[in-house]
Amino acid sequence: KFDSSYAGPLHGFQLWINLPGNKKMDPPQFQDAESDALPVVNLSDLAKAKVLVGELQGMVSPIDTGVNQVQYVDVMLQPGAEIPYTIPDGFLTVFVYVYAGQGRVCSEPVSRGDVLNIEANAALDLQADSSTELSLLVLSGVPLKENIVQYGPFVMSSRAQIQQAFHEYQSGKFLHETCEYLLHTAEGTERSQRSLH
């Protein structure tokens, strides 16, 4: 629920998760989470993290990713904060997106808008500059170890799946009339069906 009288800054992220090939044609599902539904972990006196997807220090996001093992965390460091951030074992795909401030990630200078693809072989050293905060998304996951075939708006695991998707799209069968919509709130999860038209 958005307070229309709010006049401050607003950040929004729409994050997608690639599905395994055998799940690509499953009925669509959309999940949304209100801010207070997502757990916050204090990483130090000067750093905290909101768990968008996955688990961090025993705190679990309500977002359900099915068979996909992923962790999406919003890390917020106050000026001068420095912390080690450990990626879960086996989560070999790691991206960092800096959305505010400046500092260092693994000794590399970073600032707003930077995206880093990081090798997950040790803890990430995150450091905010002494004069500004550093806010970033740490996105990690266990690789699916499947081919990625992309053409136009479609991302599949094989050329045959791409051809099937185009055939269904052109014949009007690709899009479902509705999708399952999950809204995660502090009180729990509300399920409903939403029209796709």
C-alpha atoms as a PDB file:
ATOM      1  CA  LYS A   1       0.000   0.000   0.000  1.00  0.00           C
ATOM      2  CA  PHE A   2       1.608   3.257  -1.143  1.00  0.00           C
ATOM      3  CA  ASP A   3       1.134   6.470   0.826  1.00  0.00           C
ATOM      4  CA  SER A   4       0.363   9.042  -1.884  1.00  0.00           C
ATOM      5  CA  SER A   5       1.413  11.893   0.436  1.00  0.00           C
ATOM      6  CA  TYR A   6       4.994  10.566   0.585  1.00  0.00           C
ATOM      7  CA  ALA A   7       7.356  12.879  -1.316  1.00  0.00           C
ATOM      8  CA  GLY A   8      10.743  11.250  -0.596  1.00  0.00           C
ATOM      9  CA  PRO A   9      12.903   8.951  -2.699  1.00  0.00           C
ATOM     10  CA  LEU A  10      11.507   5.628  -3.845  1.00  0.00           C
ATOM     11  CA  HIS A  11      13.399   2.527  -4.949  1.00  0.00           C
ATOM     12  CA  GLY A  12      11.768  -0.338  -6.731  1.00  0.00           C
ATOM     13  CA  PHE A  13      13.291  -3.531  -8.074  1.00  0.00           C
ATOM     14  CA  GLN A  14      11.623  -6.085 -10.298  1.00  0.00           C
ATOM     15  CA  LEU A  15      13.627  -9.281 -10.032  1.00  0.00           C
ATOM     16  CA  TRP A  16      13.151 -12.355 -12.170  1.00  0.00           C
ATOM     17  CA  ILE A  17      14.341 -15.894 -11.551  1.00  0.00           C
ATOM     18  CA  ASN A  18      15.200 -18.209 -14.431  1.00  0.00           C
ATOM     19  CA  LEU A  19      13.288 -21.478 -14.246  1.00  0.00           C
ATOM     20  CA  PRO A  20      14.643 -24.933 -15.074  1.00  0.00           C
ATOM     21  CA  GLY A  21      13.730 -26.130 -18.555  1.00  0.00           C
ATOM     22  CA  ASN A  22      11.038 -28.509 -17.279  1.00  0.00           C
ATOM     23  CA  LYS A  23       9.244 -25.599 -15.510  1.00  0.00           C
ATOM     24  CA  LYS A  24       9.393 -22.950 -18.264  1.00  0.00           C
ATOM     25  CA  MET A  25       5.866 -23.613 -19.545  1.00  0.00           C
ATOM     26  CA  ASP A  26       4.267 -23.818 -16.085  1.00  0.00           C
ATOM     27  CA  PRO A  27       1.362 -21.433 -15.434  1.00  0.00           C
ATOM     28  CA  PRO A  28       2.618 -17.928 -14.571  1.00  0.00           C
ATOM     29  CA  GLN A  29       2.930 -16.740 -10.991  1.00  0.00           C
ATOM     30  CA  PHE A  30       3.707 -13.265  -9.690  1.00  0.00           C
ATOM     31  CA  GLN A  31       4.797 -12.462  -6.152  1.00  0.00           C
ATOM     32  CA  ASP A  32       4.932  -9.100  -4.437  1.00  0.00           C
ATOM     33  CA  ALA A  33       6.112  -8.314  -0.928  1.00  0.00           C
ATOM     34  CA  GLU A  34       5.354  -5.317   1.223  1.00  0.00           C
ATOM     35  CA  SER A  35       8.443  -3.923   2.911  1.00  0.00           C
ATOM     36  CA  ASP A  36       7.413  -5.001   6.412  1.00  0.00           C
ATOM     37  CA  ALA A  37       6.952  -8.601   5.226  1.00  0.00           C
ATOM     38  CA  LEU A  38      10.663  -8.937   4.493  1.00  0.00           C
ATOM     39  CA  PRO A  39      13.004  -9.731   7.410  1.00  0.00           C
ATOM     40  CA  VAL A  40      15.871  -7.400   8.327  1.00  0.00           C
ATOM     41  CA  VAL A  41      19.172  -8.723   9.701  1.00  0.00           C
ATOM     42  CA  ASN A  42      21.612  -6.534  11.618  1.00  0.00           C
ATOM     43  CA  LEU A  43      25.053  -7.316  10.188  1.00  0.00           C
ATOM     44  CA  SER A  44      26.893  -4.841  12.468  1.00  0.00           C
ATOM     45  CA  ASP A  45      26.193  -1.607  14.332  1.00  0.00           C
ATOM     46  CA  LEU A  46      26.525   0.217  11.004  1.00  0.00           C
ATOM     47  CA  ALA A  47      25.122  -2.320   8.542  1.00  0.00           C
ATOM     48  CA  LYS A  48      21.867  -4.170   7.979  1.00  0.00           C
ATOM     49  CA  ALA A  49      20.375  -6.366   5.284  1.00  0.00           C
ATOM     50  CA  LYS A  50      16.815  -6.905   4.100  1.00  0.00           C
ATOM     51  CA  VAL A  51      16.230 -10.478   2.893  1.00  0.00           C
ATOM     52  CA  LEU A  52      14.331 -10.123  -0.392  1.00  0.00           C
ATOM     53  CA  VAL A  53      14.600 -13.784  -1.436  1.00  0.00           C
ATOM     54  CA  GLY A  54      16.146 -16.749   0.331  1.00  0.00           C
ATOM     55  CA  GLU A  55      17.652 -16.946   3.809  1.00  0.00           C
ATOM     56  CA  LEU A  56      20.267 -15.000   5.759  1.00  0.00           C
ATOM     57  CA  GLN A  57      21.358 -15.819   9.304  1.00  0.00           C
ATOM     58  CA  GLY A  58      18.194 -17.815   9.942  1.00  0.00           C
ATOM     59  CA  MET A  59      15.850 -15.111   8.641  1.00  0.00           C
ATOM     60  CA  VAL A  60      13.764 -16.332   5.680  1.00  0.00           C
ATOM     61  CA  SER A  61      11.983 -14.278   3.032  1.00  0.00           C
ATOM     62  CA  PRO A  62       8.348 -15.217   2.306  1.00  0.00           C
ATOM     63  CA  ILE A  63       9.088 -15.226  -1.455  1.00  0.00           C
ATOM     64  CA  ASP A  64       8.936 -18.840  -2.670  1.00  0.00           C
ATOM     65  CA  THR A  65      11.324 -19.690  -5.513  1.00  0.00           C
ATOM     66  CA  GLY A  66      10.330 -23.346  -5.784  1.00  0.00           C
ATOM     67  CA  VAL A  67      13.238 -25.562  -6.805  1.00  0.00           C
ATOM     68  CA  ASN A  68      15.540 -22.610  -7.497  1.00  0.00           C
ATOM     69  CA  GLN A  69      18.118 -21.912  -4.801  1.00  0.00           C
ATOM     70  CA  VAL A  70      18.693 -18.160  -4.745  1.00  0.00           C
ATOM     71  CA  GLN A  71      19.489 -15.395  -2.284  1.00  0.00           C
ATOM     72  CA  TYR A  72      18.623 -11.757  -3.047  1.00  0.00           C
ATOM     73  CA  VAL A  73      19.662  -9.395  -0.251  1.00  0.00           C
ATOM     74  CA  ASP A  74      19.488  -5.597   0.044  1.00  0.00           C
ATOM     75  CA  VAL A  75      22.607  -4.598   2.013  1.00  0.00           C
ATOM     76  CA  MET A  76      22.700  -1.104   3.531  1.00  0.00           C
ATOM     77  CA  LEU A  77      25.908   0.278   5.050  1.00  0.00           C
ATOM     78  CA  GLN A  78      26.178   3.573   6.916  1.00  0.00           C
ATOM     79  CA  PRO A  79      29.158   5.868   6.190  1.00  0.00           C
ATOM     80  CA  GLY A  80      32.444   4.201   7.142  1.00  0.00           C
ATOM     81  CA  ALA A  81      30.936   0.739   7.681  1.00  0.00           C
ATOM     82  CA  GLU A  82      32.922  -2.298   6.579  1.00  0.00           C
ATOM     83  CA  ILE A  83      31.663  -5.875   6.751  1.00  0.00           C
ATOM     84  CA  PRO A  84      32.423  -9.305   5.322  1.00  0.00           C
ATOM     85  CA  TYR A  85      29.440 -10.771   3.492  1.00  0.00           C
ATOM     86  CA  THR A  86      29.437 -14.539   3.048  1.00  0.00           C
ATOM     87  CA  ILE A  87      27.735 -16.075   0.030  1.00  0.00           C
ATOM     88  CA  PRO A  88      26.027 -19.425   0.789  1.00  0.00           C
ATOM     89  CA  ASP A  89      27.935 -22.570  -0.204  1.00  0.00           C
ATOM     90  CA  GLY A  90      27.218 -23.668  -3.764  1.00  0.00           C
ATOM     91  CA  PHE A  91      25.824 -20.258  -4.775  1.00  0.00           C
ATOM     92  CA  LEU A  92      28.341 -19.758  -7.582  1.00  0.00           C
ATOM     93  CA  THR A  93      26.541 -17.086  -9.595  1.00  0.00           C
ATOM     94  CA  VAL A  94      26.952 -13.727  -7.825  1.00  0.00           C
ATOM     95  CA  PHE A  95      26.043 -10.215  -8.967  1.00  0.00           C
ATOM     96  CA  VAL A  96      26.199  -6.975  -7.028  1.00  0.00           C
ATOM     97  CA  TYR A  97      24.166  -3.911  -8.062  1.00  0.00           C
ATOM     98  CA  VAL A  98      25.003  -0.621  -6.322  1.00  0.00           C
ATOM     99  CA  TYR A  99      21.875   1.533  -6.159  1.00  0.00           C
ATOM    100  CA  ALA A 100      23.042   4.268  -3.781  1.00  0.00           C
ATOM    101  CA  GLY A 101      26.226   5.781  -2.412  1.00  0.00           C
ATOM    102  CA  GLN A 102      29.779   4.722  -2.987  1.00  0.00           C
ATOM    103  CA  GLY A 103      32.479   2.607  -1.447  1.00  0.00           C
ATOM    104  CA  ARG A 104      34.306  -0.612  -2.225  1.00  0.00           C
ATOM    105  CA  VAL A 105      33.307  -4.183  -3.007  1.00  0.00           C
ATOM    106  CA  CYS A 106      36.202  -6.642  -2.744  1.00  0.00           C
ATOM    107  CA  SER A 107      38.630  -3.674  -2.862  1.00  0.00           C
ATOM    108  CA  GLU A 108      37.092  -2.367  -6.123  1.00  0.00           C
ATOM    109  CA  PRO A 109      35.749   1.210  -6.022  1.00  0.00           C
ATOM    110  CA  VAL A 110      31.989   1.273  -6.697  1.00  0.00           C
ATOM    111  CA  SER A 111      29.283   3.901  -6.984  1.00  0.00           C
ATOM    112  CA  ARG A 112      25.609   4.184  -7.848  1.00  0.00           C
ATOM    113  CA  GLY A 113      24.705   2.268 -11.021  1.00  0.00           C
ATOM    114  CA  ASP A 114      27.653  -0.157 -10.952  1.00  0.00           C
ATOM    115  CA  VAL A 115      27.029  -3.861 -11.586  1.00  0.00           C
ATOM    116  CA  LEU A 116      29.654  -6.454 -10.691  1.00  0.00           C
ATOM    117  CA  ASN A 117      29.843 -10.146 -11.609  1.00  0.00           C
ATOM    118  CA  ILE A 118      31.823 -11.699  -8.759  1.00  0.00           C
ATOM    119  CA  GLU A 119      33.483 -15.076  -8.289  1.00  0.00           C
ATOM    120  CA  ALA A 120      32.040 -16.629  -5.138  1.00  0.00           C
ATOM    121  CA  ASN A 121      35.230 -18.081  -3.706  1.00  0.00           C
ATOM    122  CA  ALA A 122      35.415 -16.040  -0.483  1.00  0.00           C
ATOM    123  CA  ALA A 123      33.437 -13.580   1.608  1.00  0.00           C
ATOM    124  CA  LEU A 124      32.746 -10.261  -0.094  1.00  0.00           C
ATOM    125  CA  ASP A 125      34.394  -7.314   1.625  1.00  0.00           C
ATOM    126  CA  LEU A 126      31.820  -4.487   1.580  1.00  0.00           C
ATOM    127  CA  GLN A 127      32.905  -0.991   2.613  1.00  0.00           C
ATOM    128  CA  ALA A 128      31.091   2.342   2.514  1.00  0.00           C
ATOM    129  CA  ASP A 129      33.107   5.522   2.038  1.00  0.00           C
ATOM    130  CA  SER A 130      33.560   7.572   5.205  1.00  0.00           C
ATOM    131  CA  SER A 131      31.320  10.367   3.894  1.00  0.00           C
ATOM    132  CA  THR A 132      28.426   8.437   2.342  1.00  0.00           C
ATOM    133  CA  GLU A 133      26.322   5.321   2.741  1.00  0.00           C
ATOM    134  CA  LEU A 134      26.558   2.332   0.418  1.00  0.00           C
ATOM    135  CA  SER A 135      23.403   0.458  -0.589  1.00  0.00           C
ATOM    136  CA  LEU A 136      23.533  -2.535  -2.874  1.00  0.00           C
ATOM    137  CA  LEU A 137      21.761  -5.679  -3.931  1.00  0.00           C
ATOM    138  CA  VAL A 138      23.693  -8.931  -3.589  1.00  0.00           C
ATOM    139  CA  LEU A 139      22.099 -11.485  -5.922  1.00  0.00           C
ATOM    140  CA  SER A 140      23.357 -15.065  -5.802  1.00  0.00           C
ATOM    141  CA  GLY A 141      22.202 -18.518  -6.754  1.00  0.00           C
ATOM    142  CA  VAL A 142      23.038 -22.104  -7.503  1.00  0.00           C
ATOM    143  CA  PRO A 143      23.566 -22.430 -11.279  1.00  0.00           C
ATOM    144  CA  LEU A 144      20.938 -24.462 -13.137  1.00  0.00           C
ATOM    145  CA  LYS A 145      23.653 -25.874 -15.431  1.00  0.00           C
ATOM    146  CA  GLU A 146      21.319 -25.670 -18.415  1.00  0.00           C
ATOM    147  CA  ASN A 147      21.650 -23.930 -21.747  1.00  0.00           C
ATOM    148  CA  ILE A 148      20.175 -20.463 -22.045  1.00  0.00           C
ATOM    149  CA  VAL A 149      18.545 -19.777 -25.397  1.00  0.00           C
ATOM    150  CA  GLN A 150      17.100 -16.292 -25.830  1.00  0.00           C
ATOM    151  CA  TYR A 151      15.225 -14.922 -28.803  1.00  0.00           C
ATOM    152  CA  GLY A 152      13.113 -11.776 -28.620  1.00  0.00           C
ATOM    153  CA  PRO A 153      11.304 -11.719 -25.282  1.00  0.00           C
ATOM    154  CA  PHE A 154      11.628 -15.475 -24.750  1.00  0.00           C
ATOM    155  CA  VAL A 155      14.299 -17.167 -22.625  1.00  0.00           C
ATOM    156  CA  MET A 156      14.279 -20.949 -22.766  1.00  0.00           C
ATOM    157  CA  SER A 157      16.648 -23.903 -22.352  1.00  0.00           C
ATOM    158  CA  SER A 158      16.622 -25.180 -25.931  1.00  0.00           C
ATOM    159  CA  ARG A 159      15.921 -24.116 -29.492  1.00  0.00           C
ATOM    160  CA  ALA A 160      12.909 -26.478 -29.511  1.00  0.00           C
ATOM    161  CA  GLN A 161      11.424 -24.633 -26.505  1.00  0.00           C
ATOM    162  CA  ILE A 162      11.932 -21.285 -28.276  1.00  0.00           C
ATOM    163  CA  GLN A 163      10.151 -22.625 -31.360  1.00  0.00           C
ATOM    164  CA  GLN A 164       7.314 -23.972 -29.178  1.00  0.00           C
ATOM    165  CA  ALA A 165       6.976 -20.623 -27.406  1.00  0.00           C
ATOM    166  CA  PHE A 166       6.810 -18.725 -30.719  1.00  0.00           C
ATOM    167  CA  HIS A 167       4.289 -21.210 -32.147  1.00  0.00           C
ATOM    168  CA  GLU A 168       2.061 -20.877 -29.057  1.00  0.00           C
ATOM    169  CA  TYR A 169       2.440 -17.099 -29.072  1.00  0.00           C
ATOM    170  CA  GLN A 170       1.532 -16.798 -32.753  1.00  0.00           C
ATOM    171  CA  SER A 171      -1.476 -19.109 -32.321  1.00  0.00           C
ATOM    172  CA  GLY A 172      -2.743 -17.157 -29.283  1.00  0.00           C
ATOM    173  CA  LYS A 173      -2.120 -19.999 -26.812  1.00  0.00           C
ATOM    174  CA  PHE A 174       1.031 -18.730 -25.097  1.00  0.00           C
ATOM    175  CA  LEU A 175      -0.502 -16.283 -22.656  1.00  0.00           C
ATOM    176  CA  HIS A 176      -2.832 -17.558 -19.999  1.00  0.00           C
ATOM    177  CA  GLU A 177      -5.936 -15.544 -19.147  1.00  0.00           C
ATOM    178  CA  THR A 178      -4.917 -15.251 -15.508  1.00  0.00           C
ATOM    179  CA  CYS A 179      -1.946 -15.792 -13.237  1.00  0.00           C
ATOM    180  CA  GLU A 180      -1.615 -16.657  -9.584  1.00  0.00           C
ATOM    181  CA  TYR A 181      -0.733 -13.526  -7.590  1.00  0.00           C
ATOM    182  CA  LEU A 182       0.793 -13.733  -4.121  1.00  0.00           C
ATOM    183  CA  LEU A 183       1.009 -10.649  -1.923  1.00  0.00           C
ATOM    184  CA  HIS A 184       3.250 -11.137   1.105  1.00  0.00           C
ATOM    185  CA  THR A 185       2.379  -8.857   4.041  1.00  0.00           C
ATOM    186  CA  ALA A 186       3.450  -8.734   7.677  1.00  0.00           C
ATOM    187  CA  GLU A 187       0.224 -10.626   8.483  1.00  0.00           C
ATOM    188  CA  GLY A 188       0.821 -13.412   5.969  1.00  0.00           C
ATOM    189  CA  THR A 189       0.332 -14.227   2.295  1.00  0.00           C
ATOM    190  CA  GLU A 190      -2.755 -13.344   0.281  1.00  0.00           C
ATOM    191  CA  ARG A 191      -3.396 -15.458  -2.838  1.00  0.00           C
ATOM    192  CA  SER A 192      -5.572 -14.400  -5.736  1.00  0.00           C
ATOM    193  CA  GLN A 193      -5.943 -14.724  -9.490  1.00  0.00           C
ATOM    194  CA  ARG A 194      -5.114 -11.727 -11.676  1.00  0.00           C
ATOM    195  CA  SER A 195      -6.091 -11.087 -15.262  1.00  0.00           C
ATOM    196  CA  LEU A 196      -3.210 -10.838 -17.715  1.00  0.00           C
ATOM    197  CA  HIS A 197      -5.189  -8.636 -20.088  1.00  0.00           C
END
